[in-house]
């Protein structure tokens, strides 16, 4: 996946407060580390479920000449809330905005998005900018996902000195996230 996060998800102070409450921490000394653990848990949640939990602005770079007969290319990030722009990336020179008549976008019910370039001009690749995420804010995140993020961040906080944290989420976290998991057959 050739994705860049342009504007990361806004992490509400409530997320940090919820984690500190779970861990019974009352000081601000570890706030930066705890916030980093929440962000890491959100990334793990996306990897496990196949869906970005909190809305962020992203960009994926695709070939301007589609590898399929239909010409459609699917973005790898889900769920896509809106495609905000498509730019051409020439081999040399600056990016340029493709006109709305030069490409087509389809947002699908499962949260995926497809792009088809109709006229690429001098672009060898395209940069598709979009917003993606299940929820716009921490408060809107479904309880199972939110609680799983908190539990995973707490788990990593407690295991920080042991060096024995498992590479996969603990079973209790996986159970909370499993209803949201998207699997793809290839």
Protein backbone atom coordinates (compact mmCIF):
# COMPACT_ATOMS: atom_id res chain seq x y z
CA UNK A 1 0.00 0.00 0.00
CA UNK A 2 1.40 3.36 -1.00
CA UNK A 3 -0.58 5.48 1.45
CA UNK A 4 0.41 8.64 3.23
CA UNK A 5 -1.61 10.14 6.06
CA UNK A 6 -1.81 13.85 5.30
CA UNK A 7 -3.82 14.89 8.36
CA UNK A 8 -3.91 12.30 11.16
CA UNK A 9 -7.05 11.61 13.13
CA UNK A 10 -7.73 14.10 15.88
CA UNK A 11 -7.31 12.26 19.14
CA UNK A 12 -9.67 13.73 21.72
CA UNK A 13 -8.49 14.35 25.28
CA UNK A 14 -11.22 11.89 26.28
CA UNK A 15 -9.17 9.03 24.79
CA UNK A 16 -6.21 9.80 27.03
CA UNK A 17 -8.51 10.32 30.03
CA UNK A 18 -10.17 6.95 29.37
CA UNK A 19 -6.80 5.16 29.21
CA UNK A 20 -5.53 6.89 32.34
CA UNK A 21 -8.73 5.93 34.15
CA UNK A 22 -8.32 2.29 33.02
CA UNK A 23 -4.72 2.29 34.30
CA UNK A 24 -5.53 4.32 37.46
CA UNK A 25 -2.98 6.99 36.53
CA UNK A 26 -3.61 10.45 37.96
CA UNK A 27 -0.44 12.33 36.95
CA UNK A 28 0.40 13.90 33.60
CA UNK A 29 3.97 12.55 33.61
CA UNK A 30 3.27 9.73 31.10
CA UNK A 31 0.74 11.55 28.89
CA UNK A 32 2.97 11.65 25.79
CA UNK A 33 3.80 7.94 26.04
CA UNK A 34 0.16 7.02 26.66
CA UNK A 35 -0.98 9.08 23.68
CA UNK A 36 1.60 7.32 21.50
CA UNK A 37 0.30 3.95 22.74
CA UNK A 38 -3.26 4.95 21.81
CA UNK A 39 -2.11 5.92 18.30
CA UNK A 40 -0.26 2.60 17.97
CA UNK A 41 -3.35 0.72 19.17
CA UNK A 42 -5.44 2.54 16.54
CA UNK A 43 -2.97 1.43 13.84
CA UNK A 44 -3.14 -2.15 15.14
CA UNK A 45 -6.94 -1.92 15.11
CA UNK A 46 -6.83 -0.87 11.44
CA UNK A 47 -4.48 -3.73 10.61
CA UNK A 48 -6.71 -6.25 12.38
CA UNK A 49 -10.10 -5.02 11.16
CA UNK A 50 -9.07 -3.77 7.70
CA UNK A 51 -10.79 -0.47 8.48
CA UNK A 52 -9.39 2.86 9.64
CA UNK A 53 -11.08 3.58 12.99
CA UNK A 54 -10.89 7.40 13.14
CA UNK A 55 -11.29 9.77 10.20
CA UNK A 56 -8.06 11.06 8.69
CA UNK A 57 -7.06 12.70 5.42
CA UNK A 58 -5.00 10.28 3.34
CA UNK A 59 -3.40 10.03 -0.07
CA UNK A 60 -2.72 6.93 -2.16
CA UNK A 61 -0.57 6.90 -5.27
CA UNK A 62 -1.75 4.69 -8.13
CA UNK A 63 -0.72 4.09 -11.71
CA UNK A 64 -2.42 6.42 -14.20
CA UNK A 65 -2.67 3.50 -16.63
CA UNK A 66 -4.91 0.99 -14.86
CA UNK A 67 -3.69 -2.61 -14.78
CA UNK A 68 -7.21 -3.98 -15.34
CA UNK A 69 -9.30 -4.12 -18.50
CA UNK A 70 -12.08 -2.06 -16.92
CA UNK A 71 -9.63 0.65 -15.89
CA UNK A 72 -10.87 0.75 -12.29
CA UNK A 73 -8.38 0.73 -9.42
CA UNK A 74 -9.43 0.18 -5.83
CA UNK A 75 -8.06 2.25 -2.96
CA UNK A 76 -6.66 0.02 -0.22
CA UNK A 77 -7.81 2.15 2.73
CA UNK A 78 -11.35 1.66 4.05
CA UNK A 79 -13.90 3.00 4.71
CA UNK A 80 -13.57 5.97 2.37
CA UNK A 81 -15.83 8.82 3.40
CA UNK A 82 -15.08 11.17 0.48
CA UNK A 83 -12.57 11.60 -2.33
CA UNK A 84 -11.40 15.21 -2.24
CA UNK A 85 -9.04 15.37 -5.21
CA UNK A 86 -7.05 13.58 -7.88
CA UNK A 87 -3.72 14.92 -9.11
CA UNK A 88 -1.49 13.78 -11.94
CA UNK A 89 2.13 12.95 -11.15
CA UNK A 90 4.32 13.29 -14.24
CA UNK A 91 7.78 11.70 -14.45
CA UNK A 92 9.25 15.21 -14.40
CA UNK A 93 7.71 18.41 -13.22
CA UNK A 94 5.13 19.43 -10.68
CA UNK A 95 1.86 17.76 -9.76
CA UNK A 96 -1.22 19.00 -11.52
CA UNK A 97 -4.90 18.71 -10.71
CA UNK A 98 -6.86 16.46 -13.02
CA UNK A 99 -10.10 17.99 -14.22
CA UNK A 100 -13.28 16.36 -12.91
CA UNK A 101 -13.95 15.14 -16.46
CA UNK A 102 -10.59 13.31 -16.57
CA UNK A 103 -11.42 10.70 -13.91
CA UNK A 104 -14.32 8.82 -12.37
CA UNK A 105 -14.87 7.87 -8.71
CA UNK A 106 -17.15 5.23 -7.24
CA UNK A 107 -17.79 4.98 -3.51
CA UNK A 108 -19.21 1.58 -2.66
CA UNK A 109 -21.53 0.43 0.13
CA UNK A 110 -18.77 -1.63 1.79
CA UNK A 111 -16.65 1.51 2.28
CA UNK A 112 -14.29 0.89 -0.60
CA UNK A 113 -13.62 3.38 -3.36
CA UNK A 114 -12.57 2.92 -6.96
CA UNK A 115 -10.89 5.38 -9.31
CA UNK A 116 -10.67 5.27 -13.10
CA UNK A 117 -8.53 7.67 -15.11
CA UNK A 118 -10.24 8.68 -18.34
CA UNK A 119 -7.54 11.08 -19.61
CA UNK A 120 -4.15 11.01 -17.93
CA UNK A 121 -2.35 13.70 -19.89
CA UNK A 122 1.35 13.63 -18.95
CA UNK A 123 0.71 11.78 -15.69
CA UNK A 124 2.37 8.41 -15.23
CA UNK A 125 0.81 8.08 -11.77
CA UNK A 126 -2.03 9.72 -9.89
CA UNK A 127 -2.34 10.85 -6.27
CA UNK A 128 -5.83 10.33 -4.86
CA UNK A 129 -6.60 12.40 -1.76
CA UNK A 130 -9.49 11.32 0.43
CA UNK A 131 -10.87 11.12 3.94
CA UNK A 132 -11.35 7.69 5.46
CA UNK A 133 -12.45 6.34 8.82
CA UNK A 134 -15.34 4.64 10.55
CA UNK A 135 -15.97 7.54 12.92
CA UNK A 136 -15.33 11.26 12.80
CA UNK A 137 -14.38 11.44 16.48
CA UNK A 138 -13.34 9.32 19.46
CA UNK A 139 -16.77 9.74 21.05
CA UNK A 140 -18.49 8.33 17.92
CA UNK A 141 -16.22 5.26 17.70
CA UNK A 142 -18.23 2.09 18.38
CA UNK A 143 -17.81 0.86 21.96
CA UNK A 144 -16.14 -2.44 21.03
CA UNK A 145 -13.48 -0.74 18.92
CA UNK A 146 -12.89 2.04 21.44
CA UNK A 147 -12.64 -0.33 24.38
CA UNK A 148 -10.31 -2.63 22.41
CA UNK A 149 -8.00 0.31 21.65
CA UNK A 150 -7.91 1.26 25.34
CA UNK A 151 -7.26 -2.33 26.45
CA UNK A 152 -4.48 -2.80 23.89
CA UNK A 153 -2.79 0.48 24.85
CA UNK A 154 -3.05 -0.51 28.54
CA UNK A 155 -1.63 -3.96 27.76
CA UNK A 156 1.40 -2.43 26.02
CA UNK A 157 1.87 0.06 28.83
CA UNK A 158 1.93 -2.72 31.41
CA UNK A 159 4.25 -4.88 29.30
CA UNK A 160 6.68 -2.05 28.45
CA UNK A 161 9.36 -3.21 30.86
CA UNK A 162 8.90 -6.94 30.24
CA UNK A 163 9.63 -6.72 26.53
CA UNK A 164 7.24 -9.63 26.06
CA UNK A 165 4.24 -7.98 24.39
CA UNK A 166 2.73 -10.30 21.80
CA UNK A 167 2.81 -9.24 18.12
CA UNK A 168 -0.93 -9.86 17.76
CA UNK A 169 -3.60 -8.26 19.91
CA UNK A 170 -4.49 -10.24 23.04
CA UNK A 171 -7.52 -12.52 22.72
CA UNK A 172 -9.76 -10.15 24.72
CA UNK A 173 -8.97 -7.30 22.31
CA UNK A 174 -9.37 -9.50 19.23
CA UNK A 175 -12.79 -10.58 20.51
CA UNK A 176 -13.88 -6.94 20.78
CA UNK A 177 -12.64 -6.13 17.26
CA UNK A 178 -13.71 -9.32 15.47
CA UNK A 179 -17.25 -8.09 14.58
CA UNK A 180 -15.65 -5.19 12.68
CA UNK A 181 -13.10 -7.30 10.80
CA UNK A 182 -13.20 -7.17 7.00
CA UNK A 183 -11.63 -10.08 5.17
CA UNK A 184 -10.93 -10.18 1.45
CA UNK A 185 -10.68 -13.26 -0.72
CA UNK A 186 -8.01 -13.08 -3.37
